[in-house]
């Protein structure tokens, strides 16, 4: 549970809400975690590397429905939006490159393309950052926008050594223009698991508001084993919040209210987990195409029924089984997790916690196996 609590500091606030019997606040928090929007802007020349990067962020290949095309059909100064087909609350915005003209007004560019509407902004390039892009970065930091990042998109034709030389040159350019402690993230547009993208995610998780970082984590494809683990921990934090709500509802003297809330919320959480862990048929087939693997080979690695389909019947069955077998949940866990006045409702809390956590563990194991086989 320590890892789960660490993954979302919001849980401390939720515990206070439960202590105060403010169930509406807990319910709102669960909704925020289930439906949390995030908008990312990608600035730079509209070439193959940028299109590939935007597609990889959504788990898409160049031929998939909804993929960003190259060349872009958007007008030179037009913004193009690309939703995530599995996570509609996650949207990418393709912004035109920063002009290379002089004189240049960075604030005017930021105002024109409404920088404040985006949760994070990627300033992409394939050789070195242009001076005006650096001006935009500096201006954004001057108005307390810390979530702007320089991304060097590695070209498929570049050797790793060549890419590292470009990164070194880029850092020198940023230093010369007054960027303190410059960071340039080297990213493989079609292979995000390589190079610096995992490190970029780590920094974004610290820079973004917690709910937005949570949304980004759950919307990204399962690129690495570490990302699968972080998704699992985030879902267990969400389960804790939902189970706390369940414990509170079970104390309300209305027949079947608690069970209805439990199964409904549980289905939503596990459906989101299935999509986030890329276990649904469409995601598995897409991954197989991208990695040149037989889809049937990856599909047969899904040993949990919930990895294949999240049905209301299966979820209800697991909740009922957990109710019958509460002895596997230690009294110490209950005492630690539940506030004092709510311990009378701890049976419902424990059942939901046990049923959903074990389900998420099973699904994460399947995701790990599929990832290992595909990579």
Protein backbone atom coordinates (compact mmCIF):
# COMPACT_ATOMS: atom_id res chain seq x y z
CA UNK A 1 0.00 0.00 0.00
CA UNK A 2 2.95 2.36 0.56
CA UNK A 3 3.66 2.47 -3.18
CA UNK A 4 0.00 3.12 -3.90
CA UNK A 5 -0.17 6.03 -1.46
CA UNK A 6 3.05 7.44 -2.91
CA UNK A 7 1.64 7.31 -6.44
CA UNK A 8 -1.14 9.77 -5.65
CA UNK A 9 -0.77 12.38 -2.92
CA UNK A 10 -4.41 13.14 -3.59
CA UNK A 11 -5.25 10.16 -1.40
CA UNK A 12 -4.23 12.10 1.68
CA UNK A 13 -6.90 14.66 0.82
CA UNK A 14 -9.38 11.86 0.24
CA UNK A 15 -8.67 10.38 3.66
CA UNK A 16 -9.45 13.76 5.22
CA UNK A 17 -12.71 13.90 3.25
CA UNK A 18 -13.71 10.45 4.47
CA UNK A 19 -12.85 11.37 8.06
CA UNK A 20 -15.23 14.33 7.66
CA UNK A 21 -17.86 12.09 6.02
CA UNK A 22 -17.76 14.18 2.83
CA UNK A 23 -18.64 11.39 0.40
CA UNK A 24 -19.48 13.85 -2.37
CA UNK A 25 -15.87 15.04 -2.40
CA UNK A 26 -14.62 11.46 -2.68
CA UNK A 27 -17.06 10.76 -5.50
CA UNK A 28 -15.88 13.88 -7.36
CA UNK A 29 -12.26 12.80 -6.92
CA UNK A 30 -13.00 9.35 -8.35
CA UNK A 31 -14.67 10.99 -11.35
CA UNK A 32 -11.68 13.30 -11.81
CA UNK A 33 -9.33 10.31 -11.82
CA UNK A 34 -11.52 8.40 -14.28
CA UNK A 35 -12.14 11.37 -16.58
CA UNK A 36 -9.13 13.68 -16.44
CA UNK A 37 -8.37 15.67 -19.57
CA UNK A 38 -4.92 16.49 -20.87
CA UNK A 39 -3.89 18.53 -23.90
CA UNK A 40 -0.35 18.35 -25.30
CA UNK A 41 0.98 20.69 -27.99
CA UNK A 42 3.71 19.57 -30.41
CA UNK A 43 5.54 22.48 -32.07
CA UNK A 44 7.88 22.00 -35.02
CA UNK A 45 8.31 21.32 -38.72
CA UNK A 46 5.61 19.05 -40.08
CA UNK A 47 7.77 16.21 -41.33
CA UNK A 48 7.81 12.42 -41.00
CA UNK A 49 9.47 12.49 -37.58
CA UNK A 50 6.87 14.79 -36.04
CA UNK A 51 3.95 12.78 -37.46
CA UNK A 52 5.53 9.53 -36.24
CA UNK A 53 6.07 11.02 -32.77
CA UNK A 54 2.44 12.15 -32.47
CA UNK A 55 1.24 8.74 -33.62
CA UNK A 56 3.49 6.83 -31.21
CA UNK A 57 2.20 8.91 -28.30
CA UNK A 58 -1.24 7.47 -29.12
CA UNK A 59 -0.05 3.92 -29.88
CA UNK A 60 -0.74 4.33 -33.62
CA UNK A 61 1.21 3.37 -36.72
CA UNK A 62 1.24 5.39 -39.96
CA UNK A 63 -1.53 3.31 -41.56
CA UNK A 64 -3.88 3.21 -38.57
CA UNK A 65 -7.19 5.04 -38.50
CA UNK A 66 -6.77 8.47 -36.95
CA UNK A 67 -3.00 8.56 -37.51
CA UNK A 68 -1.36 11.92 -38.24
CA UNK A 69 -0.41 11.92 -41.93
CA UNK A 70 2.85 13.12 -43.44
CA UNK A 71 2.89 15.52 -45.15
CA UNK A 72 0.30 17.24 -43.00
CA UNK A 73 -2.88 18.40 -44.78
CA UNK A 74 -3.13 21.36 -42.39
CA UNK A 75 -2.48 24.85 -43.73
CA UNK A 76 0.98 26.23 -42.78
CA UNK A 77 -0.35 28.43 -39.96
CA UNK A 78 -3.25 26.19 -38.91
CA UNK A 79 -3.46 24.10 -35.73
CA UNK A 80 -4.44 20.46 -36.26
CA UNK A 81 -5.97 18.35 -33.48
CA UNK A 82 -5.47 14.61 -33.06
CA UNK A 83 -7.59 12.81 -30.45
CA UNK A 84 -6.61 9.50 -28.94
CA UNK A 85 -9.01 6.85 -30.28
CA UNK A 86 -8.99 4.91 -26.98
CA UNK A 87 -8.73 7.85 -24.58
CA UNK A 88 -10.90 10.73 -25.84
CA UNK A 89 -9.80 12.96 -22.95
CA UNK A 90 -6.19 12.90 -24.25
CA UNK A 91 -5.63 15.20 -27.23
CA UNK A 92 -2.53 16.16 -29.19
CA UNK A 93 -2.33 19.47 -31.02
CA UNK A 94 -0.01 19.92 -34.00
CA UNK A 95 1.23 23.52 -33.88
CA UNK A 96 3.11 25.17 -36.75
CA UNK A 97 6.86 25.69 -36.33
CA UNK A 98 8.08 28.85 -34.64
CA UNK A 99 8.85 31.40 -37.40
CA UNK A 100 12.52 32.02 -38.16
CA UNK A 101 11.90 35.66 -39.10
CA UNK A 102 13.52 38.60 -37.34
CA UNK A 103 12.42 40.60 -35.44
CA UNK A 104 10.31 38.04 -33.62
CA UNK A 105 7.79 38.48 -30.80
CA UNK A 106 7.68 35.26 -28.69
CA UNK A 107 4.71 36.47 -26.65
CA UNK A 108 2.79 37.19 -29.83
CA UNK A 109 3.41 33.63 -31.05
CA UNK A 110 2.32 32.20 -27.69
CA UNK A 111 -0.84 34.33 -27.67
CA UNK A 112 -1.72 33.45 -31.25
CA UNK A 113 -1.55 29.73 -30.57
CA UNK A 114 -2.99 29.98 -27.05
CA UNK A 115 -0.15 28.33 -25.14
CA UNK A 116 -2.08 28.57 -21.88
CA UNK A 117 -4.69 26.05 -23.06
CA UNK A 118 -2.09 23.23 -23.19
CA UNK A 119 -0.91 21.24 -20.20
CA UNK A 120 2.52 20.67 -21.75
CA UNK A 121 4.32 21.82 -24.90
CA UNK A 122 6.98 19.96 -26.87
CA UNK A 123 9.34 22.12 -28.95
CA UNK A 124 10.55 19.56 -31.50
CA UNK A 125 13.42 19.68 -34.00
CA UNK A 126 15.59 17.23 -35.94
CA UNK A 127 18.91 19.12 -36.09
CA UNK A 128 19.20 21.90 -33.49
CA UNK A 129 16.77 24.37 -31.86
CA UNK A 130 16.18 27.59 -33.77
CA UNK A 131 16.90 30.89 -31.92
CA UNK A 132 13.24 31.95 -31.98
CA UNK A 133 12.17 28.62 -30.44
CA UNK A 134 14.57 29.31 -27.59
CA UNK A 135 12.97 32.73 -27.18
CA UNK A 136 9.56 31.08 -26.87
CA UNK A 137 10.95 28.73 -24.22
CA UNK A 138 12.46 31.58 -22.21
CA UNK A 139 9.30 33.68 -22.49
CA UNK A 140 7.11 30.77 -21.35
CA UNK A 141 9.30 30.24 -18.30
CA UNK A 142 9.13 33.93 -17.49
CA UNK A 143 5.35 33.60 -17.11
CA UNK A 144 5.68 30.49 -14.92
CA UNK A 145 5.01 27.92 -17.62
CA UNK A 146 7.46 25.16 -16.63
CA UNK A 147 6.00 22.39 -18.75
CA UNK A 148 7.78 23.27 -22.01
CA UNK A 149 10.36 20.78 -23.27
CA UNK A 150 12.95 20.62 -26.05
CA UNK A 151 12.62 17.35 -28.00
CA UNK A 152 15.29 16.24 -30.48
CA UNK A 153 13.53 13.77 -32.78
CA UNK A 154 16.04 11.17 -33.89
CA UNK A 155 15.91 10.53 -37.61
CA UNK A 156 15.65 6.92 -38.74
CA UNK A 157 18.73 7.39 -40.90
CA UNK A 158 20.86 8.75 -38.03
CA UNK A 159 23.22 6.50 -36.14
CA UNK A 160 23.01 6.73 -32.35
CA UNK A 161 26.36 8.50 -32.22
CA UNK A 162 25.15 11.10 -34.72
CA UNK A 163 22.04 11.73 -32.61
CA UNK A 164 24.15 12.19 -29.49
CA UNK A 165 26.32 14.72 -31.32
CA UNK A 166 23.18 16.65 -32.31
CA UNK A 167 22.03 16.63 -28.70
CA UNK A 168 25.39 17.99 -27.53
CA UNK A 169 25.26 20.75 -30.13
CA UNK A 170 21.68 21.59 -29.13
CA UNK A 171 22.65 21.96 -25.47
CA UNK A 172 25.43 24.34 -26.52
CA UNK A 173 22.93 26.42 -28.53
CA UNK A 174 20.57 26.66 -25.54
CA UNK A 175 23.38 27.60 -23.17
CA UNK A 176 24.58 30.33 -25.53
CA UNK A 177 21.07 31.83 -25.59
CA UNK A 178 20.80 32.00 -21.83
CA UNK A 179 18.90 28.81 -20.92
CA UNK A 180 19.99 27.77 -17.42
CA UNK A 181 20.70 24.05 -17.02
CA UNK A 182 19.33 23.19 -20.47
CA UNK A 183 17.77 19.79 -21.12
CA UNK A 184 17.33 18.28 -24.54
CA UNK A 185 15.45 15.00 -24.71
CA UNK A 186 16.50 12.66 -27.50
CA UNK A 187 13.42 10.73 -28.62
CA UNK A 188 12.98 7.99 -31.20
CA UNK A 189 9.69 9.01 -32.88
CA UNK A 190 8.61 5.44 -33.69
CA UNK A 191 10.32 3.78 -30.70
CA UNK A 192 9.49 5.82 -27.62
CA UNK A 193 10.88 3.15 -25.31
CA UNK A 194 14.40 4.04 -26.49
CA UNK A 195 16.59 7.02 -25.59
CA UNK A 196 15.19 9.74 -23.28
CA UNK A 197 11.42 9.44 -23.48
CA UNK A 198 11.11 7.51 -20.17
CA UNK A 199 13.19 10.24 -18.47
CA UNK A 200 10.95 12.89 -20.02
CA UNK A 201 7.90 11.17 -18.53
CA UNK A 202 9.54 11.14 -15.10
CA UNK A 203 10.12 14.89 -15.26
CA UNK A 204 6.63 15.58 -16.59
CA UNK A 205 5.12 13.59 -13.72
CA UNK A 206 6.81 16.04 -11.32
CA UNK A 207 6.08 19.19 -13.34
CA UNK A 208 2.40 18.60 -14.17
CA UNK A 209 -0.48 18.92 -11.70
CA UNK A 210 -1.12 15.49 -10.22
CA UNK A 211 -4.43 14.86 -11.99
CA UNK A 212 -2.89 15.76 -15.38
CA UNK A 213 0.14 13.56 -14.78
CA UNK A 214 -2.26 10.75 -13.89
CA UNK A 215 -4.21 11.31 -17.13
CA UNK A 216 -1.05 11.25 -19.24
CA UNK A 217 0.22 8.07 -17.59
CA UNK A 218 -3.03 6.19 -18.19
CA UNK A 219 -3.44 7.39 -21.80
CA UNK A 220 0.04 6.47 -23.04
CA UNK A 221 0.61 3.04 -24.64
CA UNK A 222 2.46 0.39 -22.64
CA UNK A 223 5.95 1.24 -23.86
CA UNK A 224 8.05 -0.35 -21.11
CA UNK A 225 7.75 -2.72 -18.17
CA UNK A 226 8.30 0.22 -15.83
CA UNK A 227 5.35 2.05 -17.39
CA UNK A 228 3.13 -1.00 -16.87
CA UNK A 229 4.10 -0.98 -13.18
CA UNK A 230 3.32 2.72 -12.83
CA UNK A 231 -0.05 2.27 -14.51
CA UNK A 232 -0.82 -0.57 -12.11
CA UNK A 233 0.07 1.58 -9.08
CA UNK A 234 -2.05 4.46 -10.39
CA UNK A 235 -5.04 2.15 -10.83
CA UNK A 236 -4.58 0.78 -7.31
CA UNK A 237 -4.70 4.34 -5.99
CA UNK A 238 -7.93 4.82 -7.92
CA UNK A 239 -9.25 1.54 -6.48
CA UNK A 240 -8.48 2.76 -2.96
CA UNK A 241 -10.53 5.90 -3.57
CA UNK A 242 -13.42 3.92 -5.08
CA UNK A 243 -13.33 1.35 -2.29
CA UNK A 244 -13.42 4.15 0.27
CA UNK A 245 -16.54 5.46 -1.44
CA UNK A 246 -17.96 1.94 -1.34
CA UNK A 247 -17.29 1.71 2.38
CA UNK A 248 -19.11 4.99 2.93
CA UNK A 249 -22.06 3.97 0.75
CA UNK A 250 -22.44 0.68 2.57
CA UNK A 251 -23.23 2.60 5.73
CA UNK A 252 -26.26 4.23 4.03
CA UNK A 253 -29.46 2.32 4.91
CA UNK A 254 -30.77 1.99 1.33
CA UNK A 255 -31.06 -1.59 0.00
CA UNK A 256 -28.69 -2.51 -2.85
CA UNK A 257 -27.19 1.01 -3.09
CA UNK A 258 -23.71 -0.13 -2.11
CA UNK A 259 -23.66 -3.15 -4.43
CA UNK A 260 -24.92 -1.07 -7.36
CA UNK A 261 -22.25 1.57 -6.75
CA UNK A 262 -19.56 -1.09 -6.34
CA UNK A 263 -20.24 -2.97 -9.57
CA UNK A 264 -20.80 0.16 -11.66
CA UNK A 265 -17.62 1.89 -10.53
CA UNK A 266 -15.65 -1.36 -10.68
CA UNK A 267 -16.63 -1.94 -14.32
CA UNK A 268 -15.55 1.59 -15.22
CA UNK A 269 -12.19 1.23 -13.47
CA UNK A 270 -11.40 -2.17 -14.97
CA UNK A 271 -12.52 -1.10 -18.45
CA UNK A 272 -10.18 1.87 -18.23
CA UNK A 273 -7.42 -0.45 -16.97
CA UNK A 274 -7.93 -2.83 -19.91
CA UNK A 275 -7.61 0.05 -22.38
CA UNK A 276 -4.72 1.71 -20.55
CA UNK A 277 -2.75 -1.55 -20.44
CA UNK A 278 -3.48 -2.07 -24.17
CA UNK A 279 -5.12 -5.45 -23.62
CA UNK A 280 -8.22 -5.03 -25.81
CA UNK A 281 -8.28 -6.83 -29.16
CA UNK A 282 -7.72 -3.71 -31.24
CA UNK A 283 -4.69 -2.58 -29.22
CA UNK A 284 -3.11 -6.05 -29.28
CA UNK A 285 -3.65 -6.37 -33.05
CA UNK A 286 -2.20 -2.91 -33.63
CA UNK A 287 0.88 -3.72 -31.57
CA UNK A 288 1.34 -6.99 -33.46
CA UNK A 289 1.27 -5.13 -36.79
CA UNK A 290 3.77 -2.55 -35.60
CA UNK A 291 6.21 -5.17 -34.30
CA UNK A 292 5.74 -7.77 -37.02
CA UNK A 293 4.30 -10.39 -34.66
CA UNK A 294 1.38 -12.76 -35.27
CA UNK A 295 -1.66 -11.25 -33.44
CA UNK A 296 -2.88 -14.67 -32.27
CA UNK A 297 0.43 -15.24 -30.52
CA UNK A 298 -0.01 -12.09 -28.43
CA UNK A 299 -3.71 -12.65 -27.78
CA UNK A 300 -3.15 -16.10 -26.31
CA UNK A 301 -0.91 -14.54 -23.64
CA UNK A 302 -4.01 -12.96 -22.05
CA UNK A 303 -4.82 -15.44 -19.29
CA UNK A 304 -7.14 -13.20 -17.27
CA UNK A 305 -10.75 -13.09 -18.44
CA UNK A 306 -10.77 -9.34 -17.75
CA UNK A 307 -7.87 -8.80 -20.14
CA UNK A 308 -10.06 -10.12 -22.95
CA UNK A 309 -13.36 -8.53 -21.93
CA UNK A 310 -14.58 -6.56 -18.93
CA UNK A 311 -18.13 -7.80 -18.44
CA UNK A 312 -20.49 -6.76 -15.66
CA UNK A 313 -21.11 -10.43 -14.86
CA UNK A 314 -17.41 -11.19 -14.35
CA UNK A 315 -16.94 -8.10 -12.18
CA UNK A 316 -19.97 -8.91 -10.01
CA UNK A 317 -18.71 -12.47 -9.61
CA UNK A 318 -15.33 -11.24 -8.38
CA UNK A 319 -16.88 -8.79 -5.93
CA UNK A 320 -19.13 -11.52 -4.55
CA UNK A 321 -16.19 -13.92 -4.19
CA UNK A 322 -14.21 -11.28 -2.32
CA UNK A 323 -17.16 -10.72 0.04
CA UNK A 324 -17.11 -14.45 0.87
CA UNK A 325 -13.39 -14.54 1.43
CA UNK A 326 -12.54 -11.51 3.49
CA UNK A 327 -10.11 -13.44 5.64
CA UNK A 328 -7.38 -12.83 3.06
CA UNK A 329 -7.48 -9.10 3.83
CA UNK A 330 -5.53 -8.49 7.00
CA UNK A 331 -7.03 -6.51 9.83
CA UNK A 332 -3.84 -4.49 9.85
CA UNK A 333 -4.46 -3.36 6.27
CA UNK A 334 -8.01 -2.32 7.10
CA UNK A 335 -6.91 -0.44 10.18
CA UNK A 336 -4.28 1.44 8.22
CA UNK A 337 -6.43 2.25 5.21
CA UNK A 338 -9.80 3.15 6.66
CA UNK A 339 -10.53 6.16 8.88
CA UNK A 340 -11.76 5.48 12.39
CA UNK A 341 -15.48 6.18 12.03
CA UNK A 342 -15.73 4.25 8.74
CA UNK A 343 -14.33 0.94 10.01
CA UNK A 344 -17.84 -0.33 10.59
CA UNK A 345 -18.22 -0.19 6.81
CA UNK A 346 -14.84 -1.82 6.23
CA UNK A 347 -16.33 -5.09 4.91
CA UNK A 348 -17.50 -3.42 1.70
CA UNK A 349 -14.24 -1.47 1.46
CA UNK A 350 -12.16 -4.64 1.88
CA UNK A 351 -14.16 -6.65 -0.64
CA UNK A 352 -13.83 -4.04 -3.36
CA UNK A 353 -10.17 -3.42 -2.56
CA UNK A 354 -9.35 -7.12 -2.75
CA UNK A 355 -11.41 -7.87 -5.87
CA UNK A 356 -10.14 -4.94 -7.93
CA UNK A 357 -6.51 -5.03 -6.82
CA UNK A 358 -6.22 -8.73 -7.64
CA UNK A 359 -7.90 -8.09 -11.01
CA UNK A 360 -5.49 -5.27 -11.84
CA UNK A 361 -2.54 -7.48 -10.82
CA UNK A 362 -3.72 -10.16 -13.25
CA UNK A 363 -4.16 -7.67 -16.07
CA UNK A 364 -0.75 -6.12 -15.46
CA UNK A 365 0.88 -9.56 -15.67
CA UNK A 366 -0.79 -10.11 -19.05
CA UNK A 367 0.38 -6.69 -20.25
CA UNK A 368 3.96 -7.52 -19.22
CA UNK A 369 3.85 -10.80 -21.14
CA UNK A 370 2.48 -9.18 -24.29
CA UNK A 371 5.03 -6.36 -24.12
CA UNK A 372 7.93 -8.81 -23.70
CA UNK A 373 6.76 -10.93 -26.62
CA UNK A 374 6.22 -7.93 -28.90
CA UNK A 375 9.56 -6.25 -28.15
